[in-house]
Amino acid sequence: MKFEFDPKKSQSNFEKHGLTFEEAKALWNSKAVVLKARCTDEERFMMMGTIKGKIHSCIFTVRKDAIRLISVRRSHEKEERFYAQKIRND
């Protein structure tokens, strides 16, 4: 799977959320839930999955043949409950 991202945005994400986009790639190796994200300018998705046993949420889009990472952070409590319910039911 090919990923792309802006290195400056990855650094900014690390400073704000403590996670780089390189680390975010691990979400694609976990059991994940993907939803369409609210966005008006391009189709974006939110993926919830685990990194080091903690649930994270990642916003991404697909451009040509690559997944472009936009942001990643620890999931909010409501998102964690939603993720746990979806994983249990699947």
PDB file of N, CA and C in Angstrom:
ATOM      1  N   MET A   1       0.852  -1.171   0.000  1.00  0.00           N
ATOM      2  CA  MET A   1       0.000   0.000   0.000  1.00  0.00           C
ATOM      3  C   MET A   1       0.900   1.237   0.000  1.00  0.00           C
ATOM      4  N   LYS A   2       0.579   2.183  -0.841  1.00  0.00           N
ATOM      5  CA  LYS A   2       1.388   3.393  -0.961  1.00  0.00           C
ATOM      6  C   LYS A   2       0.748   4.526  -0.155  1.00  0.00           C
ATOM      7  N   PHE A   3       1.560   5.180   0.655  1.00  0.00           N
ATOM      8  CA  PHE A   3       1.105   6.316   1.451  1.00  0.00           C
ATOM      9  C   PHE A   3       1.853   7.561   1.008  1.00  0.00           C
ATOM     10  N   GLU A   4       1.212   8.693   1.167  1.00  0.00           N
ATOM     11  CA  GLU A   4       1.888   9.970   0.941  1.00  0.00           C
ATOM     12  C   GLU A   4       1.372  10.969   1.965  1.00  0.00           C
ATOM     13  N   PHE A   5       2.215  11.942   2.267  1.00  0.00           N
ATOM     14  CA  PHE A   5       1.819  12.999   3.194  1.00  0.00           C
ATOM     15  C   PHE A   5       2.832  14.126   3.113  1.00  0.00           C
ATOM     16  N   ASP A   6       2.436  15.253   3.628  1.00  0.00           N
ATOM     17  CA  ASP A   6       3.301  16.420   3.710  1.00  0.00           C
ATOM     18  C   ASP A   6       4.153  16.267   4.975  1.00  0.00           C
ATOM     19  N   PRO A   7       5.484  16.204   4.840  1.00  0.00           N
ATOM     20  CA  PRO A   7       6.340  16.041   6.025  1.00  0.00           C
ATOM     21  C   PRO A   7       6.148  17.147   7.070  1.00  0.00           C
ATOM     22  N   LYS A   8       5.903  18.376   6.622  1.00  0.00           N
ATOM     23  CA  LYS A   8       5.675  19.472   7.576  1.00  0.00           C
ATOM     24  C   LYS A   8       4.379  19.248   8.351  1.00  0.00           C
ATOM     25  N   LYS A   9       3.355  18.752   7.661  1.00  0.00           N
ATOM     26  CA  LYS A   9       2.076  18.453   8.324  1.00  0.00           C
ATOM     27  C   LYS A   9       2.250  17.304   9.311  1.00  0.00           C
ATOM     28  N   SER A  10       3.086  16.321   8.956  1.00  0.00           N
ATOM     29  CA  SER A  10       3.365  15.211   9.869  1.00  0.00           C
ATOM     30  C   SER A  10       4.031  15.725  11.143  1.00  0.00           C
ATOM     31  N   GLN A  11       4.987  16.637  10.992  1.00  0.00           N
ATOM     32  CA  GLN A  11       5.670  17.216  12.152  1.00  0.00           C
ATOM     33  C   GLN A  11       4.691  18.022  12.999  1.00  0.00           C
ATOM     34  N   SER A  12       3.844  18.789  12.339  1.00  0.00           N
ATOM     35  CA  SER A  12       2.825  19.571  13.042  1.00  0.00           C
ATOM     36  C   SER A  12       1.868  18.650  13.799  1.00  0.00           C
ATOM     37  N   ASN A  13       1.483  17.547  13.161  1.00  0.00           N
ATOM     38  CA  ASN A  13       0.598  16.573  13.802  1.00  0.00           C
ATOM     39  C   ASN A  13       1.281  15.976  15.037  1.00  0.00           C
ATOM     40  N   PHE A  14       2.580  15.693  14.931  1.00  0.00           N
ATOM     41  CA  PHE A  14       3.333  15.157  16.068  1.00  0.00           C
ATOM     42  C   PHE A  14       3.333  16.155  17.224  1.00  0.00           C
ATOM     43  N   GLU A  15       3.574  17.416  16.910  1.00  0.00           N
ATOM     44  CA  GLU A  15       3.612  18.442  17.956  1.00  0.00           C
ATOM     45  C   GLU A  15       2.253  18.608  18.638  1.00  0.00           C
ATOM     46  N   LYS A  16       1.187  18.467  17.872  1.00  0.00           N
ATOM     47  CA  LYS A  16      -0.162  18.653  18.422  1.00  0.00           C
ATOM     48  C   LYS A  16      -0.715  17.394  19.085  1.00  0.00           C
ATOM     49  N   HIS A  17      -0.470  16.216  18.463  1.00  0.00           N
ATOM     50  CA  HIS A  17      -1.115  14.979  18.918  1.00  0.00           C
ATOM     51  C   HIS A  17      -0.141  13.883  19.361  1.00  0.00           C
ATOM     52  N   GLY A  18       1.175  14.121  19.213  1.00  0.00           N
ATOM     53  CA  GLY A  18       2.160  13.144  19.672  1.00  0.00           C
ATOM     54  C   GLY A  18       2.333  11.941  18.763  1.00  0.00           C
ATOM     55  N   LEU A  19       1.918  12.067  17.501  1.00  0.00           N
ATOM     56  CA  LEU A  19       1.981  10.941  16.570  1.00  0.00           C
ATOM     57  C   LEU A  19       2.346  11.448  15.179  1.00  0.00           C
ATOM     58  N   THR A  20       3.326  10.790  14.540  1.00  0.00           N
ATOM     59  CA  THR A  20       3.685  11.151  13.169  1.00  0.00           C
ATOM     60  C   THR A  20       2.841  10.353  12.188  1.00  0.00           C
ATOM     61  N   PHE A  21       2.865  10.760  10.944  1.00  0.00           N
ATOM     62  CA  PHE A  21       2.135  10.022   9.914  1.00  0.00           C
ATOM     63  C   PHE A  21       2.808   8.684   9.619  1.00  0.00           C
ATOM     64  N   GLU A  22       4.118   8.584   9.824  1.00  0.00           N
ATOM     65  CA  GLU A  22       4.788   7.278   9.688  1.00  0.00           C
ATOM     66  C   GLU A  22       4.187   6.294  10.684  1.00  0.00           C
ATOM     67  N   GLU A  23       3.987   6.745  11.923  1.00  0.00           N
ATOM     68  CA  GLU A  23       3.379   5.892  12.947  1.00  0.00           C
ATOM     69  C   GLU A  23       1.923   5.578  12.613  1.00  0.00           C
ATOM     70  N   ALA A  24       1.234   6.519  11.976  1.00  0.00           N
ATOM     71  CA  ALA A  24      -0.186   6.338  11.641  1.00  0.00           C
ATOM     72  C   ALA A  24      -0.403   5.199  10.652  1.00  0.00           C
ATOM     73  N   LYS A  25       0.593   4.870   9.862  1.00  0.00           N
ATOM     74  CA  LYS A  25       0.466   3.774   8.893  1.00  0.00           C
ATOM     75  C   LYS A  25       0.095   2.460   9.578  1.00  0.00           C
ATOM     76  N   ALA A  26       0.423   2.325  10.858  1.00  0.00           N
ATOM     77  CA  ALA A  26       0.111   1.103  11.612  1.00  0.00           C
ATOM     78  C   ALA A  26      -1.391   0.845  11.685  1.00  0.00           C
ATOM     79  N   LEU A  27      -2.202   1.879  11.527  1.00  0.00           N
ATOM     80  CA  LEU A  27      -3.659   1.689  11.557  1.00  0.00           C
ATOM     81  C   LEU A  27      -4.111   0.704  10.484  1.00  0.00           C
ATOM     82  N   TRP A  28      -3.417   0.678   9.360  1.00  0.00           N
ATOM     83  CA  TRP A  28      -3.800  -0.212   8.263  1.00  0.00           C
ATOM     84  C   TRP A  28      -3.451  -1.666   8.558  1.00  0.00           C
ATOM     85  N   ASN A  29      -2.752  -1.916   9.655  1.00  0.00           N
ATOM     86  CA  ASN A  29      -2.447  -3.285  10.085  1.00  0.00           C
ATOM     87  C   ASN A  29      -3.347  -3.734  11.227  1.00  0.00           C
ATOM     88  N   SER A  30      -4.274  -2.887  11.628  1.00  0.00           N
ATOM     89  CA  SER A  30      -5.165  -3.222  12.742  1.00  0.00           C
ATOM     90  C   SER A  30      -6.569  -3.481  12.214  1.00  0.00           C
ATOM     91  N   LYS A  31      -7.408  -3.992  13.099  1.00  0.00           N
ATOM     92  CA  LYS A  31      -8.823  -4.135  12.760  1.00  0.00           C
ATOM     93  C   LYS A  31      -9.393  -2.722  12.746  1.00  0.00           C
ATOM     94  N   ALA A  32      -9.941  -2.312  11.607  1.00  0.00           N
ATOM     95  CA  ALA A  32     -10.304  -0.907  11.449  1.00  0.00           C
ATOM     96  C   ALA A  32     -11.765  -0.721  11.072  1.00  0.00           C
ATOM     97  N   VAL A  33     -12.250   0.470  11.371  1.00  0.00           N
ATOM     98  CA  VAL A  33     -13.575   0.923  10.962  1.00  0.00           C
ATOM     99  C   VAL A  33     -13.343   2.172  10.114  1.00  0.00           C
ATOM    100  N   VAL A  34     -13.911   2.202   8.914  1.00  0.00           N
ATOM    101  CA  VAL A  34     -13.743   3.348   8.020  1.00  0.00           C
ATOM    102  C   VAL A  34     -15.108   3.974   7.744  1.00  0.00           C
ATOM    103  N   LEU A  35     -15.167   5.290   7.908  1.00  0.00           N
ATOM    104  CA  LEU A  35     -16.390   6.054   7.661  1.00  0.00           C
ATOM    105  C   LEU A  35     -16.080   7.188   6.694  1.00  0.00           C
ATOM    106  N   LYS A  36     -17.090   7.643   5.986  1.00  0.00           N
ATOM    107  CA  LYS A  36     -16.923   8.835   5.166  1.00  0.00           C
ATOM    108  C   LYS A  36     -16.870  10.035   6.093  1.00  0.00           C
ATOM    109  N   ALA A  37     -15.888  10.898   5.892  1.00  0.00           N
ATOM    110  CA  ALA A  37     -15.757  12.100   6.716  1.00  0.00           C
ATOM    111  C   ALA A  37     -16.529  13.245   6.075  1.00  0.00           C
ATOM    112  N   ARG A  38     -16.990  14.155   6.906  1.00  0.00           N
ATOM    113  CA  ARG A  38     -17.674  15.338   6.382  1.00  0.00           C
ATOM    114  C   ARG A  38     -16.639  16.276   5.785  1.00  0.00           C
ATOM    115  N   CYS A  39     -16.786  16.549   4.515  1.00  0.00           N
ATOM    116  CA  CYS A  39     -15.844  17.423   3.830  1.00  0.00           C
ATOM    117  C   CYS A  39     -16.517  17.927   2.563  1.00  0.00           C
ATOM    118  N   THR A  40     -16.267  19.162   2.208  1.00  0.00           N
ATOM    119  CA  THR A  40     -16.933  19.709   1.033  1.00  0.00           C
ATOM    120  C   THR A  40     -16.038  19.772  -0.197  1.00  0.00           C
ATOM    121  N   ASP A  41     -14.725  19.810  -0.016  1.00  0.00           N
ATOM    122  CA  ASP A  41     -13.862  20.018  -1.177  1.00  0.00           C
ATOM    123  C   ASP A  41     -13.325  18.738  -1.809  1.00  0.00           C
ATOM    124  N   GLU A  42     -13.169  17.677  -1.060  1.00  0.00           N
ATOM    125  CA  GLU A  42     -12.723  16.402  -1.626  1.00  0.00           C
ATOM    126  C   GLU A  42     -13.252  15.265  -0.760  1.00  0.00           C
ATOM    127  N   GLU A  43     -13.319  14.081  -1.327  1.00  0.00           N
ATOM    128  CA  GLU A  43     -13.806  12.931  -0.570  1.00  0.00           C
ATOM    129  C   GLU A  43     -12.747  12.520   0.451  1.00  0.00           C
ATOM    130  N   ARG A  44     -13.141  12.515   1.708  1.00  0.00           N
ATOM    131  CA  ARG A  44     -12.238  12.122   2.795  1.00  0.00           C
ATOM    132  C   ARG A  44     -12.903  11.047   3.635  1.00  0.00           C
ATOM    133  N   PHE A  45     -12.053  10.323   4.342  1.00  0.00           N
ATOM    134  CA  PHE A  45     -12.512   9.227   5.180  1.00  0.00           C
ATOM    135  C   PHE A  45     -11.885   9.342   6.555  1.00  0.00           C
ATOM    136  N   MET A  46     -12.583   8.779   7.548  1.00  0.00           N
ATOM    137  CA  MET A  46     -12.012   8.654   8.884  1.00  0.00           C
ATOM    138  C   MET A  46     -11.863   7.167   9.173  1.00  0.00           C
ATOM    139  N   MET A  47     -10.672   6.779   9.532  1.00  0.00           N
ATOM    140  CA  MET A  47     -10.404   5.397   9.917  1.00  0.00           C
ATOM    141  C   MET A  47     -10.114   5.370  11.408  1.00  0.00           C
ATOM    142  N   MET A  48     -10.770   4.453  12.102  1.00  0.00           N
ATOM    143  CA  MET A  48     -10.472   4.214  13.510  1.00  0.00           C
ATOM    144  C   MET A  48      -9.856   2.832  13.615  1.00  0.00           C
ATOM    145  N   GLY A  49      -8.761   2.746  14.329  1.00  0.00           N
ATOM    146  CA  GLY A  49      -8.072   1.484  14.533  1.00  0.00           C
ATOM    147  C   GLY A  49      -7.114   1.647  15.698  1.00  0.00           C
ATOM    148  N   THR A  50      -6.266   0.658  15.899  1.00  0.00           N
ATOM    149  CA  THR A  50      -5.375   0.715  17.057  1.00  0.00           C
ATOM    150  C   THR A  50      -3.912   0.887  16.656  1.00  0.00           C
ATOM    151  N   ILE A  51      -3.226   1.647  17.485  1.00  0.00           N
ATOM    152  CA  ILE A  51      -1.779   1.809  17.416  1.00  0.00           C
ATOM    153  C   ILE A  51      -1.281   1.581  18.835  1.00  0.00           C
ATOM    154  N   LYS A  52      -0.438   0.581  19.010  1.00  0.00           N
ATOM    155  CA  LYS A  52       0.100   0.236  20.334  1.00  0.00           C
ATOM    156  C   LYS A  52      -1.019   0.047  21.361  1.00  0.00           C
ATOM    157  N   GLY A  53      -2.118  -0.584  20.925  1.00  0.00           N
ATOM    158  CA  GLY A  53      -3.212  -0.917  21.829  1.00  0.00           C
ATOM    159  C   GLY A  53      -4.180   0.208  22.141  1.00  0.00           C
ATOM    160  N   LYS A  54      -3.954   1.387  21.609  1.00  0.00           N
ATOM    161  CA  LYS A  54      -4.841   2.534  21.841  1.00  0.00           C
ATOM    162  C   LYS A  54      -5.593   2.855  20.554  1.00  0.00           C
ATOM    163  N   ILE A  55      -6.851   3.259  20.694  1.00  0.00           N
ATOM    164  CA  ILE A  55      -7.674   3.573  19.524  1.00  0.00           C
ATOM    165  C   ILE A  55      -7.358   4.988  19.039  1.00  0.00           C
ATOM    166  N   HIS A  56      -7.093   5.084  17.738  1.00  0.00           N
ATOM    167  CA  HIS A  56      -6.779   6.360  17.098  1.00  0.00           C
ATOM    168  C   HIS A  56      -7.725   6.596  15.929  1.00  0.00           C
ATOM    169  N   SER A  57      -7.866   7.856  15.558  1.00  0.00           N
ATOM    170  CA  SER A  57      -8.674   8.250  14.401  1.00  0.00           C
ATOM    171  C   SER A  57      -7.783   8.974  13.408  1.00  0.00           C
ATOM    172  N   CYS A  58      -7.895   8.579  12.154  1.00  0.00           N
ATOM    173  CA  CYS A  58      -7.075   9.154  11.091  1.00  0.00           C
ATOM    174  C   CYS A  58      -7.980   9.654   9.975  1.00  0.00           C
ATOM    175  N   ILE A  59      -7.736  10.872   9.531  1.00  0.00           N
ATOM    176  CA  ILE A  59      -8.432  11.412   8.365  1.00  0.00           C
ATOM    177  C   ILE A  59      -7.498  11.245   7.174  1.00  0.00           C
ATOM    178  N   PHE A  60      -8.059  10.716   6.078  1.00  0.00           N
ATOM    179  CA  PHE A  60      -7.246  10.508   4.878  1.00  0.00           C
ATOM    180  C   PHE A  60      -8.107  10.639   3.639  1.00  0.00           C
ATOM    181  N   THR A  61      -7.451  10.748   2.506  1.00  0.00           N
ATOM    182  CA  THR A  61      -8.120  10.740   1.215  1.00  0.00           C
ATOM    183  C   THR A  61      -7.339   9.809   0.299  1.00  0.00           C
ATOM    184  N   VAL A  62      -7.927   9.465  -0.820  1.00  0.00           N
ATOM    185  CA  VAL A  62      -7.237   8.621  -1.795  1.00  0.00           C
ATOM    186  C   VAL A  62      -6.984   9.478  -3.025  1.00  0.00           C
ATOM    187  N   ARG A  63      -5.711   9.564  -3.402  1.00  0.00           N
ATOM    188  CA  ARG A  63      -5.319  10.326  -4.587  1.00  0.00           C
ATOM    189  C   ARG A  63      -4.549   9.405  -5.512  1.00  0.00           C
ATOM    190  N   LYS A  64      -5.110   9.193  -6.685  1.00  0.00           N
ATOM    191  CA  LYS A  64      -4.536   8.270  -7.670  1.00  0.00           C
ATOM    192  C   LYS A  64      -4.360   6.916  -7.016  1.00  0.00           C
ATOM    193  N   ASP A  65      -3.123   6.467  -6.847  1.00  0.00           N
ATOM    194  CA  ASP A  65      -2.884   5.130  -6.288  1.00  0.00           C
ATOM    195  C   ASP A  65      -2.331   5.184  -4.871  1.00  0.00           C
ATOM    196  N   ALA A  66      -2.507   6.318  -4.178  1.00  0.00           N
ATOM    197  CA  ALA A  66      -1.921   6.470  -2.847  1.00  0.00           C
ATOM    198  C   ALA A  66      -2.947   6.944  -1.824  1.00  0.00           C
ATOM    199  N   ILE A  67      -2.706   6.557  -0.590  1.00  0.00           N
ATOM    200  CA  ILE A  67      -3.491   7.046   0.542  1.00  0.00           C
ATOM    201  C   ILE A  67      -2.763   8.268   1.079  1.00  0.00           C
ATOM    202  N   ARG A  68      -3.432   9.409   1.067  1.00  0.00           N
ATOM    203  CA  ARG A  68      -2.818  10.645   1.557  1.00  0.00           C
ATOM    204  C   ARG A  68      -3.326  10.912   2.967  1.00  0.00           C
ATOM    205  N   LEU A  69      -2.405  10.892   3.917  1.00  0.00           N
ATOM    206  CA  LEU A  69      -2.743  11.112   5.322  1.00  0.00           C
ATOM    207  C   LEU A  69      -2.892  12.604   5.586  1.00  0.00           C
ATOM    208  N   ILE A  70      -3.934  12.958   6.313  1.00  0.00           N
ATOM    209  CA  ILE A  70      -4.240  14.361   6.589  1.00  0.00           C
ATOM    210  C   ILE A  70      -4.074  14.683   8.070  1.00  0.00           C
ATOM    211  N   SER A  71      -4.549  13.804   8.948  1.00  0.00           N
ATOM    212  CA  SER A  71      -4.354  13.992  10.389  1.00  0.00           C
ATOM    213  C   SER A  71      -4.589  12.669  11.108  1.00  0.00           C
ATOM    214  N   VAL A  72      -4.004  12.564  12.295  1.00  0.00           N
ATOM    215  CA  VAL A  72      -4.217  11.389  13.145  1.00  0.00           C
ATOM    216  C   VAL A  72      -4.123  11.838  14.599  1.00  0.00           C
ATOM    217  N   ARG A  73      -4.974  11.248  15.427  1.00  0.00           N
ATOM    218  CA  ARG A  73      -5.010  11.606  16.852  1.00  0.00           C
ATOM    219  C   ARG A  73      -5.633  10.457  17.625  1.00  0.00           C
ATOM    220  N   ARG A  74      -5.482  10.507  18.946  1.00  0.00           N
ATOM    221  CA  ARG A  74      -6.209   9.562  19.794  1.00  0.00           C
ATOM    222  C   ARG A  74      -7.691   9.823  19.610  1.00  0.00           C
ATOM    223  N   SER A  75      -8.458   8.760  19.557  1.00  0.00           N
ATOM    224  CA  SER A  75      -9.908   8.894  19.382  1.00  0.00           C
ATOM    225  C   SER A  75     -10.550   9.466  20.639  1.00  0.00           C
ATOM    226  N   HIS A  76     -11.636  10.209  20.433  1.00  0.00           N
ATOM    227  CA  HIS A  76     -12.426  10.710  21.551  1.00  0.00           C
ATOM    228  C   HIS A  76     -13.200   9.540  22.155  1.00  0.00           C
ATOM    229  N   GLU A  77     -13.666   9.720  23.374  1.00  0.00           N
ATOM    230  CA  GLU A  77     -14.378   8.656  24.089  1.00  0.00           C
ATOM    231  C   GLU A  77     -15.582   8.130  23.291  1.00  0.00           C
ATOM    232  N   LYS A  78     -16.354   9.022  22.705  1.00  0.00           N
ATOM    233  CA  LYS A  78     -17.521   8.618  21.911  1.00  0.00           C
ATOM    234  C   LYS A  78     -17.084   7.771  20.705  1.00  0.00           C
ATOM    235  N   GLU A  79     -15.988   8.160  20.062  1.00  0.00           N
ATOM    236  CA  GLU A  79     -15.458   7.390  18.927  1.00  0.00           C
ATOM    237  C   GLU A  79     -14.975   6.019  19.381  1.00  0.00           C
ATOM    238  N   GLU A  80     -14.348   5.963  20.546  1.00  0.00           N
ATOM    239  CA  GLU A  80     -13.874   4.678  21.080  1.00  0.00           C
ATOM    240  C   GLU A  80     -15.040   3.726  21.318  1.00  0.00           C
ATOM    241  N   ARG A  81     -16.132   4.241  21.882  1.00  0.00           N
ATOM    242  CA  ARG A  81     -17.315   3.397  22.103  1.00  0.00           C
ATOM    243  C   ARG A  81     -17.883   2.905  20.774  1.00  0.00           C
ATOM    244  N   PHE A  82     -17.967   3.793  19.789  1.00  0.00           N
ATOM    245  CA  PHE A  82     -18.466   3.429  18.465  1.00  0.00           C
ATOM    246  C   PHE A  82     -17.582   2.351  17.845  1.00  0.00           C
ATOM    247  N   TYR A  83     -16.273   2.542  17.928  1.00  0.00           N
ATOM    248  CA  TYR A  83     -15.317   1.572  17.377  1.00  0.00           C
ATOM    249  C   TYR A  83     -15.495   0.204  18.044  1.00  0.00           C
ATOM    250  N   ALA A  84     -15.557   0.194  19.357  1.00  0.00           N
ATOM    251  CA  ALA A  84     -15.697  -1.070  20.096  1.00  0.00           C
ATOM    252  C   ALA A  84     -16.983  -1.790  19.707  1.00  0.00           C
ATOM    253  N   GLN A  85     -18.065  -1.044  19.562  1.00  0.00           N
ATOM    254  CA  GLN A  85     -19.345  -1.648  19.176  1.00  0.00           C
ATOM    255  C   GLN A  85     -19.265  -2.219  17.760  1.00  0.00           C
ATOM    256  N   LYS A  86     -18.693  -1.472  16.819  1.00  0.00           N
ATOM    257  CA  LYS A  86     -18.586  -1.948  15.431  1.00  0.00           C
ATOM    258  C   LYS A  86     -17.709  -3.196  15.341  1.00  0.00           C
ATOM    259  N   ILE A  87     -16.600  -3.212  16.059  1.00  0.00           N
ATOM    260  CA  ILE A  87     -15.688  -4.360  16.022  1.00  0.00           C
ATOM    261  C   ILE A  87     -16.376  -5.587  16.624  1.00  0.00           C
ATOM    262  N   ARG A  88     -17.114  -5.378  17.718  1.00  0.00           N
ATOM    263  CA  ARG A  88     -17.838  -6.476  18.363  1.00  0.00           C
ATOM    264  C   ARG A  88     -18.889  -7.069  17.430  1.00  0.00           C
ATOM    265  N   ASN A  89     -19.573  -6.209  16.682  1.00  0.00           N
ATOM    266  CA  ASN A  89     -20.667  -6.652  15.818  1.00  0.00           C
ATOM    267  C   ASN A  89     -20.210  -7.202  14.473  1.00  0.00           C
ATOM    268  N   ASP A  90     -18.969  -7.002  14.113  1.00  0.00           N
ATOM    269  CA  ASP A  90     -18.468  -7.507  12.820  1.00  0.00           C
ATOM    270  C   ASP A  90     -17.835  -8.869  12.936  1.00  0.00           C
TER     271      ASP A  90
END
